[in-house]
C-alpha atoms as a PDB file:
ATOM      1  CA  UNK A   1     -67.035  30.198 118.124  1.00  0.00           C
ATOM      2  CA  UNK A   2     -65.126  32.967 116.399  1.00  0.00           C
ATOM      3  CA  UNK A   3     -66.728  35.499 118.741  1.00  0.00           C
ATOM      4  CA  UNK A   4     -65.690  33.488 121.791  1.00  0.00           C
ATOM      5  CA  UNK A   5     -62.134  33.207 120.512  1.00  0.00           C
ATOM      6  CA  UNK A   6     -61.981  36.937 119.775  1.00  0.00           C
ATOM      7  CA  UNK A   7     -63.281  37.751 123.246  1.00  0.00           C
ATOM      8  CA  UNK A   8     -60.695  35.402 124.783  1.00  0.00           C
ATOM      9  CA  UNK A   9     -57.974  37.100 122.756  1.00  0.00           C
ATOM     10  CA  UNK A  10     -59.065  40.487 124.087  1.00  0.00           C
ATOM     11  CA  UNK A  11     -59.050  39.177 127.666  1.00  0.00           C
ATOM     12  CA  UNK A  12     -55.600  37.660 127.197  1.00  0.00           C
ATOM     13  CA  UNK A  13     -54.302  40.909 125.722  1.00  0.00           C
ATOM     14  CA  UNK A  14     -55.701  42.867 128.675  1.00  0.00           C
ATOM     15  CA  UNK A  15     -54.194  40.406 131.142  1.00  0.00           C
ATOM     16  CA  UNK A  16     -50.793  40.637 129.441  1.00  0.00           C
ATOM     17  CA  UNK A  17     -50.944  44.434 129.391  1.00  0.00           C
ATOM     18  CA  UNK A  18     -51.845  44.495 133.097  1.00  0.00           C
ATOM     19  CA  UNK A  19     -48.986  42.108 133.854  1.00  0.00           C
ATOM     20  CA  UNK A  20     -46.573  44.373 131.980  1.00  0.00           C
ATOM     21  CA  UNK A  21     -47.835  47.354 133.977  1.00  0.00           C
ATOM     22  CA  UNK A  22     -47.196  45.495 137.237  1.00  0.00           C
ATOM     23  CA  UNK A  23     -43.640  44.799 136.089  1.00  0.00           C
END
């Protein structure tokens, strides 16, 4: 489960970074 959570964290971080780039 820790792996899944870590992967989700990475995806969220990437999504946030992309959102910031759009703004």
